[in-house]
Protein backbone atom coordinates (compact mmCIF):
# COMPACT_ATOMS: atom_id res chain seq x y z
CA UNK A 1 10.80 -33.22 -12.29
CA UNK A 2 13.18 -30.91 -10.44
CA UNK A 3 11.89 -27.91 -12.42
CA UNK A 4 8.27 -28.79 -11.57
CA UNK A 5 9.14 -28.92 -7.86
CA UNK A 6 10.88 -25.52 -8.10
CA UNK A 7 7.85 -24.01 -9.84
CA UNK A 8 5.48 -25.49 -7.26
CA UNK A 9 7.57 -23.84 -4.53
CA UNK A 10 7.42 -20.57 -6.51
CA UNK A 11 3.62 -20.86 -6.61
CA UNK A 12 3.55 -21.48 -2.87
CA UNK A 13 5.69 -18.42 -2.13
CA UNK A 14 3.69 -16.21 -4.50
CA UNK A 15 0.39 -17.27 -2.92
CA UNK A 16 1.74 -16.46 0.54
CA UNK A 17 2.53 -12.95 -0.68
CA UNK A 18 -0.85 -12.58 -2.37
CA UNK A 19 -2.66 -13.85 0.71
CA UNK A 20 -0.89 -11.33 2.89
CA UNK A 21 -1.32 -8.31 0.59
CA UNK A 22 -4.36 -9.07 -1.53
CA UNK A 23 -2.06 -8.61 -4.56
CA UNK A 24 1.32 -9.67 -5.87
CA UNK A 25 0.81 -13.26 -7.08
CA UNK A 26 1.72 -12.49 -10.69
CA UNK A 27 4.59 -10.09 -10.00
CA UNK A 28 6.17 -12.36 -7.39
CA UNK A 29 5.76 -15.64 -9.29
CA UNK A 30 7.04 -14.18 -12.57
CA UNK A 31 10.09 -12.67 -10.88
CA UNK A 32 10.89 -16.00 -9.21
CA UNK A 33 10.23 -18.02 -12.37
CA UNK A 34 12.67 -15.89 -14.36
CA UNK A 35 15.42 -16.29 -11.77
CA UNK A 36 14.79 -19.85 -10.50
CA UNK A 37 13.42 -21.73 -13.52
CA UNK A 38 15.22 -19.87 -16.34
CA UNK A 39 12.05 -19.39 -18.43
CA UNK A 40 11.79 -16.81 -21.19
CA UNK A 41 9.69 -13.72 -20.38
CA UNK A 42 6.79 -14.71 -22.63
CA UNK A 43 6.66 -18.30 -21.37
CA UNK A 44 6.93 -17.15 -17.75
CA UNK A 45 4.04 -14.71 -18.13
CA UNK A 46 1.94 -17.25 -20.06
CA UNK A 47 2.56 -19.89 -17.37
CA UNK A 48 1.56 -17.49 -14.60
CA UNK A 49 -1.62 -16.40 -16.38
CA UNK A 50 -2.72 -19.96 -17.12
CA UNK A 51 -2.31 -20.88 -13.47
CA UNK A 52 -4.23 -17.76 -12.49
CA UNK A 53 -7.29 -18.91 -14.45
CA UNK A 54 -7.96 -21.27 -11.56
CA UNK A 55 -6.97 -18.98 -8.70
CA UNK A 56 -8.82 -15.90 -9.99
CA UNK A 57 -12.00 -17.88 -10.70
CA UNK A 58 -12.02 -19.36 -7.21
CA UNK A 59 -11.22 -16.00 -5.64
CA UNK A 60 -13.92 -14.19 -7.62
CA UNK A 61 -16.60 -16.73 -6.65
CA UNK A 62 -15.60 -16.51 -3.00
CA UNK A 63 -15.74 -12.70 -3.00
CA UNK A 64 -19.10 -12.75 -4.80
CA UNK A 65 -20.62 -15.03 -2.16
CA UNK A 66 -19.30 -12.79 0.60
CA UNK A 67 -20.83 -9.69 -0.94
CA UNK A 68 -17.49 -8.04 -1.71
CA UNK A 69 -18.16 -7.42 -5.41
CA UNK A 70 -19.49 -4.31 -7.15
CA UNK A 71 -20.66 -5.66 -10.52
CA UNK A 72 -20.42 -2.29 -12.28
CA UNK A 73 -16.85 -1.84 -11.06
CA UNK A 74 -15.94 -5.33 -12.29
CA UNK A 75 -17.26 -4.65 -15.80
CA UNK A 76 -16.01 -1.07 -16.16
CA UNK A 77 -12.53 -2.06 -14.99
CA UNK A 78 -12.30 -5.65 -16.23
CA UNK A 79 -13.38 -5.21 -19.85
CA UNK A 80 -10.77 -2.53 -20.72
CA UNK A 81 -8.32 -4.53 -18.61
CA UNK A 82 -8.94 -7.55 -20.83
CA UNK A 83 -8.28 -5.46 -23.95
CA UNK A 84 -5.03 -4.15 -22.48
CA UNK A 85 -3.97 -7.64 -21.39
CA UNK A 86 -4.56 -9.16 -24.84
CA UNK A 87 -2.53 -6.37 -26.42
CA UNK A 88 0.26 -6.76 -23.86
CA UNK A 89 0.45 -10.54 -24.34
CA UNK A 90 0.61 -10.13 -28.11
CA UNK A 91 3.41 -7.55 -27.84
CA UNK A 92 5.46 -9.65 -25.39
CA UNK A 93 5.06 -12.78 -27.53
CA UNK A 94 6.65 -10.97 -30.46
CA UNK A 95 9.69 -9.70 -28.55
CA UNK A 96 12.90 -11.68 -28.74
CA UNK A 97 14.28 -13.15 -25.51
CA UNK A 98 17.15 -10.64 -25.58
CA UNK A 99 14.72 -7.72 -25.83
CA UNK A 100 12.00 -9.21 -23.63
CA UNK A 101 14.09 -9.92 -20.54
CA UNK A 102 15.19 -6.33 -19.78
CA UNK A 103 11.73 -4.96 -20.65
CA UNK A 104 10.01 -7.35 -18.24
CA UNK A 105 12.68 -6.81 -15.57
CA UNK A 106 12.20 -3.04 -15.84
CA UNK A 107 8.41 -3.33 -15.47
CA UNK A 108 8.70 -5.74 -12.53
CA UNK A 109 11.35 -3.63 -10.79
CA UNK A 110 9.23 -0.49 -11.25
CA UNK A 111 6.23 -2.31 -9.76
CA UNK A 112 8.42 -3.47 -6.87
CA UNK A 113 9.55 0.09 -6.14
CA UNK A 114 5.96 1.30 -6.35
CA UNK A 115 4.66 -1.36 -3.95
CA UNK A 116 7.56 -0.83 -1.53
CA UNK A 117 7.18 2.95 -1.34
CA UNK A 118 3.38 2.83 -1.44
CA UNK A 119 3.12 0.69 1.68
CA UNK A 120 6.03 2.36 3.49
CA UNK A 121 5.11 6.00 2.87
CA UNK A 122 1.42 6.22 1.96
CA UNK A 123 -0.69 3.32 3.25
CA UNK A 124 -4.11 3.10 1.56
CA UNK A 125 -6.95 5.22 2.91
CA UNK A 126 -10.09 3.62 4.29
CA UNK A 127 -13.67 4.19 3.13
CA UNK A 128 -16.90 2.40 3.98
CA UNK A 129 -18.72 2.87 0.63
CA UNK A 130 -19.77 -0.51 -0.75
CA UNK A 131 -20.49 0.84 -4.26
CA UNK A 132 -17.71 2.50 -6.20
CA UNK A 133 -18.43 6.09 -7.35
CA UNK A 134 -15.73 5.92 -10.05
CA UNK A 135 -16.97 6.41 -13.61
CA UNK A 136 -15.79 4.90 -16.87
CA UNK A 137 -13.71 8.02 -17.53
CA UNK A 138 -11.38 6.99 -14.70
CA UNK A 139 -11.75 3.21 -14.86
CA UNK A 140 -11.24 2.65 -18.60
CA UNK A 141 -7.68 4.07 -18.80
CA UNK A 142 -6.83 2.43 -15.47
CA UNK A 143 -8.02 -0.92 -16.81
CA UNK A 144 -6.17 -0.55 -20.12
CA UNK A 145 -2.88 0.33 -18.40
CA UNK A 146 -3.29 -2.29 -15.67
CA UNK A 147 -4.09 -5.04 -18.17
CA UNK A 148 -1.19 -4.14 -20.47
CA UNK A 149 1.27 -4.01 -17.57
CA UNK A 150 -0.10 -7.27 -16.18
CA UNK A 151 0.56 -9.18 -19.41
CA UNK A 152 3.91 -7.63 -20.35
CA UNK A 153 5.23 -7.78 -16.78
CA UNK A 154 3.84 -11.21 -15.94
CA UNK A 155 1.72 -9.55 -13.25
CA UNK A 156 0.71 -6.15 -12.00
CA UNK A 157 -3.09 -6.03 -12.15
CA UNK A 158 -3.33 -5.83 -8.36
CA UNK A 159 -0.46 -3.37 -7.76
CA UNK A 160 -1.79 -1.03 -10.46
CA UNK A 161 -5.57 -1.34 -10.02
CA UNK A 162 -6.02 -2.16 -6.34
CA UNK A 163 -3.57 0.42 -5.02
CA UNK A 164 -4.95 3.12 -7.34
CA UNK A 165 -8.54 2.56 -6.20
CA UNK A 166 -7.62 2.19 -2.53
CA UNK A 167 -5.52 5.35 -2.61
CA UNK A 168 -8.54 7.31 -3.82
CA UNK A 169 -10.25 6.43 -0.53
CA UNK A 170 -13.75 6.43 -2.09
CA UNK A 171 -14.62 2.72 -1.87
CA UNK A 172 -14.49 0.22 0.98
CA UNK A 173 -11.27 -1.89 0.84
CA UNK A 174 -13.22 -5.18 0.81
CA UNK A 175 -15.20 -3.98 -2.22
CA UNK A 176 -12.07 -2.81 -4.04
CA UNK A 177 -10.18 -6.05 -3.39
CA UNK A 178 -13.18 -8.26 -4.17
CA UNK A 179 -14.06 -6.42 -7.39
CA UNK A 180 -10.46 -6.21 -8.63
CA UNK A 181 -9.91 -9.92 -7.88
CA UNK A 182 -13.10 -10.81 -9.75
CA UNK A 183 -12.25 -8.63 -12.75
CA UNK A 184 -8.80 -10.24 -12.85
CA UNK A 185 -10.36 -13.39 -14.29
CA UNK A 186 -11.29 -11.42 -17.43
CA UNK A 187 -7.79 -9.98 -17.61
CA UNK A 188 -6.17 -13.39 -17.11
CA UNK A 189 -8.40 -15.04 -19.71
CA UNK A 190 -7.61 -12.35 -22.30
CA UNK A 191 -3.87 -12.52 -21.58
CA UNK A 192 -3.90 -16.33 -21.91
CA UNK A 193 -5.69 -16.05 -25.27
CA UNK A 194 -3.14 -13.46 -26.37
CA UNK A 195 -0.26 -15.79 -25.49
CA UNK A 196 -1.96 -18.68 -27.29
CA UNK A 197 -2.22 -16.49 -30.39
CA UNK A 198 1.34 -15.21 -30.08
CA UNK A 199 3.16 -18.34 -28.93
CA UNK A 200 0.88 -21.12 -30.15
CA UNK A 201 -0.05 -24.14 -28.06
CA UNK A 202 3.47 -25.54 -28.33
CA UNK A 203 4.96 -22.50 -26.62
CA UNK A 204 3.14 -23.08 -23.34
CA UNK A 205 3.86 -25.99 -20.97
CA UNK A 206 0.66 -26.98 -19.16
CA UNK A 207 2.68 -29.01 -16.65
CA UNK A 208 4.49 -25.87 -15.50
CA UNK A 209 1.22 -23.99 -15.09
CA UNK A 210 -0.23 -26.95 -13.18
CA UNK A 211 2.75 -27.08 -10.83
CA UNK A 212 2.48 -23.34 -10.16
CA UNK A 213 -1.24 -23.67 -9.45
CA UNK A 214 -0.68 -26.67 -7.16
CA UNK A 215 1.84 -24.75 -5.08
CA UNK A 216 -0.59 -21.86 -4.78
CA UNK A 217 -3.44 -24.09 -3.65
CA UNK A 218 -1.25 -25.70 -0.98
CA UNK A 219 -0.26 -22.26 0.32
CA UNK A 220 -3.81 -20.86 0.45
CA UNK A 221 -4.59 -21.84 4.06
CA UNK A 222 -1.16 -20.63 5.25
CA UNK A 223 -1.75 -17.35 3.41
CA UNK A 224 -4.94 -16.81 5.40
CA UNK A 225 -2.94 -17.34 8.60
CA UNK A 226 -0.18 -15.01 7.36
CA UNK A 227 -2.49 -12.07 6.74
CA UNK A 228 -3.72 -12.28 10.33
CA UNK A 229 -0.21 -12.32 11.80
CA UNK A 230 1.95 -9.91 9.77
CA UNK A 231 1.27 -6.16 9.47
CA UNK A 232 0.32 -5.35 5.89
CA UNK A 233 2.48 -2.21 5.63
CA UNK A 234 5.62 -4.12 6.66
CA UNK A 235 4.86 -7.14 4.46
CA UNK A 236 4.12 -4.96 1.42
CA UNK A 237 7.33 -2.99 1.85
CA UNK A 238 9.40 -6.15 2.29
CA UNK A 239 7.92 -7.89 -0.75
CA UNK A 240 8.39 -4.80 -2.91
CA UNK A 241 12.10 -4.80 -2.08
CA UNK A 242 12.42 -8.51 -2.86
CA UNK A 243 10.87 -7.96 -6.29
CA UNK A 244 13.31 -5.12 -7.03
CA UNK A 245 16.35 -7.16 -5.97
CA UNK A 246 15.19 -10.21 -7.94
CA UNK A 247 15.06 -8.21 -11.18
CA UNK A 248 18.07 -5.97 -10.53
CA UNK A 249 20.58 -8.46 -11.98
CA UNK A 250 18.86 -8.53 -15.37
CA UNK A 251 18.65 -4.74 -15.49
CA UNK A 252 22.31 -4.27 -14.59
CA UNK A 253 23.36 -6.85 -17.19
CA UNK A 254 21.30 -5.11 -19.88
CA UNK A 255 22.98 -1.79 -18.98
CA UNK A 256 26.44 -3.35 -18.99
CA UNK A 257 27.04 -2.63 -15.29
CA UNK A 258 29.58 -5.00 -13.76
CA UNK A 259 32.29 -5.30 -11.11
CA UNK A 260 32.39 -2.74 -8.31
CA UNK A 261 29.57 -0.71 -9.86
CA UNK A 262 27.26 -3.73 -9.64
CA UNK A 263 28.19 -4.34 -6.01
CA UNK A 264 27.54 -0.67 -5.24
CA UNK A 265 24.14 -0.84 -6.94
CA UNK A 266 23.15 -3.84 -4.83
CA UNK A 267 24.33 -2.06 -1.67
CA UNK A 268 22.35 1.09 -2.48
CA UNK A 269 19.16 -0.83 -3.27
CA UNK A 270 19.52 -3.05 -0.21
CA UNK A 271 20.11 -0.01 2.02
CA UNK A 272 17.05 1.77 0.60
CA UNK A 273 15.00 -1.39 1.09
CA UNK A 274 16.09 -1.72 4.72
CA UNK A 275 15.29 1.94 5.38
CA UNK A 276 11.82 1.56 3.84
CA UNK A 277 11.08 -1.52 5.96
CA UNK A 278 12.23 0.42 9.03
CA UNK A 279 9.89 3.31 8.17
CA UNK A 280 6.99 0.89 7.66
CA UNK A 281 7.66 -0.89 10.97
CA UNK A 282 7.90 2.45 12.82
CA UNK A 283 4.65 3.63 11.23
CA UNK A 284 2.93 0.39 12.23
CA UNK A 285 4.08 0.65 15.84
CA UNK A 286 2.97 4.30 16.01
CA UNK A 287 -0.45 3.43 14.57
CA UNK A 288 -0.91 0.62 17.08
CA UNK A 289 0.05 2.86 20.01
CA UNK A 290 -2.31 5.59 18.80
CA UNK A 291 -5.15 3.08 18.44
CA UNK A 292 -4.46 1.72 21.92
CA UNK A 293 -4.43 5.19 23.44
CA UNK A 294 -7.70 6.02 21.72
CA UNK A 295 -9.36 2.90 23.13
CA UNK A 296 -8.16 3.79 26.65
CA UNK A 297 -9.44 7.36 26.35
CA UNK A 298 -12.77 6.16 25.08
CA UNK A 299 -13.24 3.58 27.82
CA UNK A 300 -16.05 4.28 30.33
CA UNK A 301 -14.94 5.70 33.67
């Protein structure tokens, strides 16, 4: 019972992150499951993806009703993403726990660094185009990589796909987020099937997935409030650093780093994290001042 409560809290925290950033549920929940619930990498990723079957379906339907979905983008990105996710789930299921833990920790830490620096140094551009101009030549490899990373890392579809499409600045953010969220259902379904093939039904605990989903559903209304209160660039930078720190212990253990060297590594990462958050907060304040000055200048005399 205690483990179910812990996992429900993990789901709540992950949904708060996802609600604030439009991404990060899988990466955050997998990182926390590995450290708080002591699950193996394959079981952690399988649990997250099963819980996401409910959250991604609900999210996709909501975005569709709001007109935030480009159907062509969903299919061109989601179908190769599903192929990559099935392959990634199959590969992770066949890795031993000793080999799987550092591999997953490395992927999660890399995603954490990417998210942290992406929001701190290069916030996404803004476009108003409601139909994506990207062709299959760009979307197929992006989907394959995003799906594979999502399954092997327990998450990563949003950090890889959403940030890549937003950074191109060719499609309206609401269309990118809505289409990526909708396509994630295909990715999640394929990953879940891959884990069922690799682990078998006995390797997946439905109670754990249910607890994770329940925590996420409870957090959903608070997540909506969070996104309206916290600046996205600061939240994204902060969450990226948390993901890196959460997976740093596993990486250092795999590399045989201990004692003073481990303490130094934590100090360096924490210092870099604090500096990145400071840069993001400064950028946010500058952007707000510039926007305020522009409104004053544009006001009628």
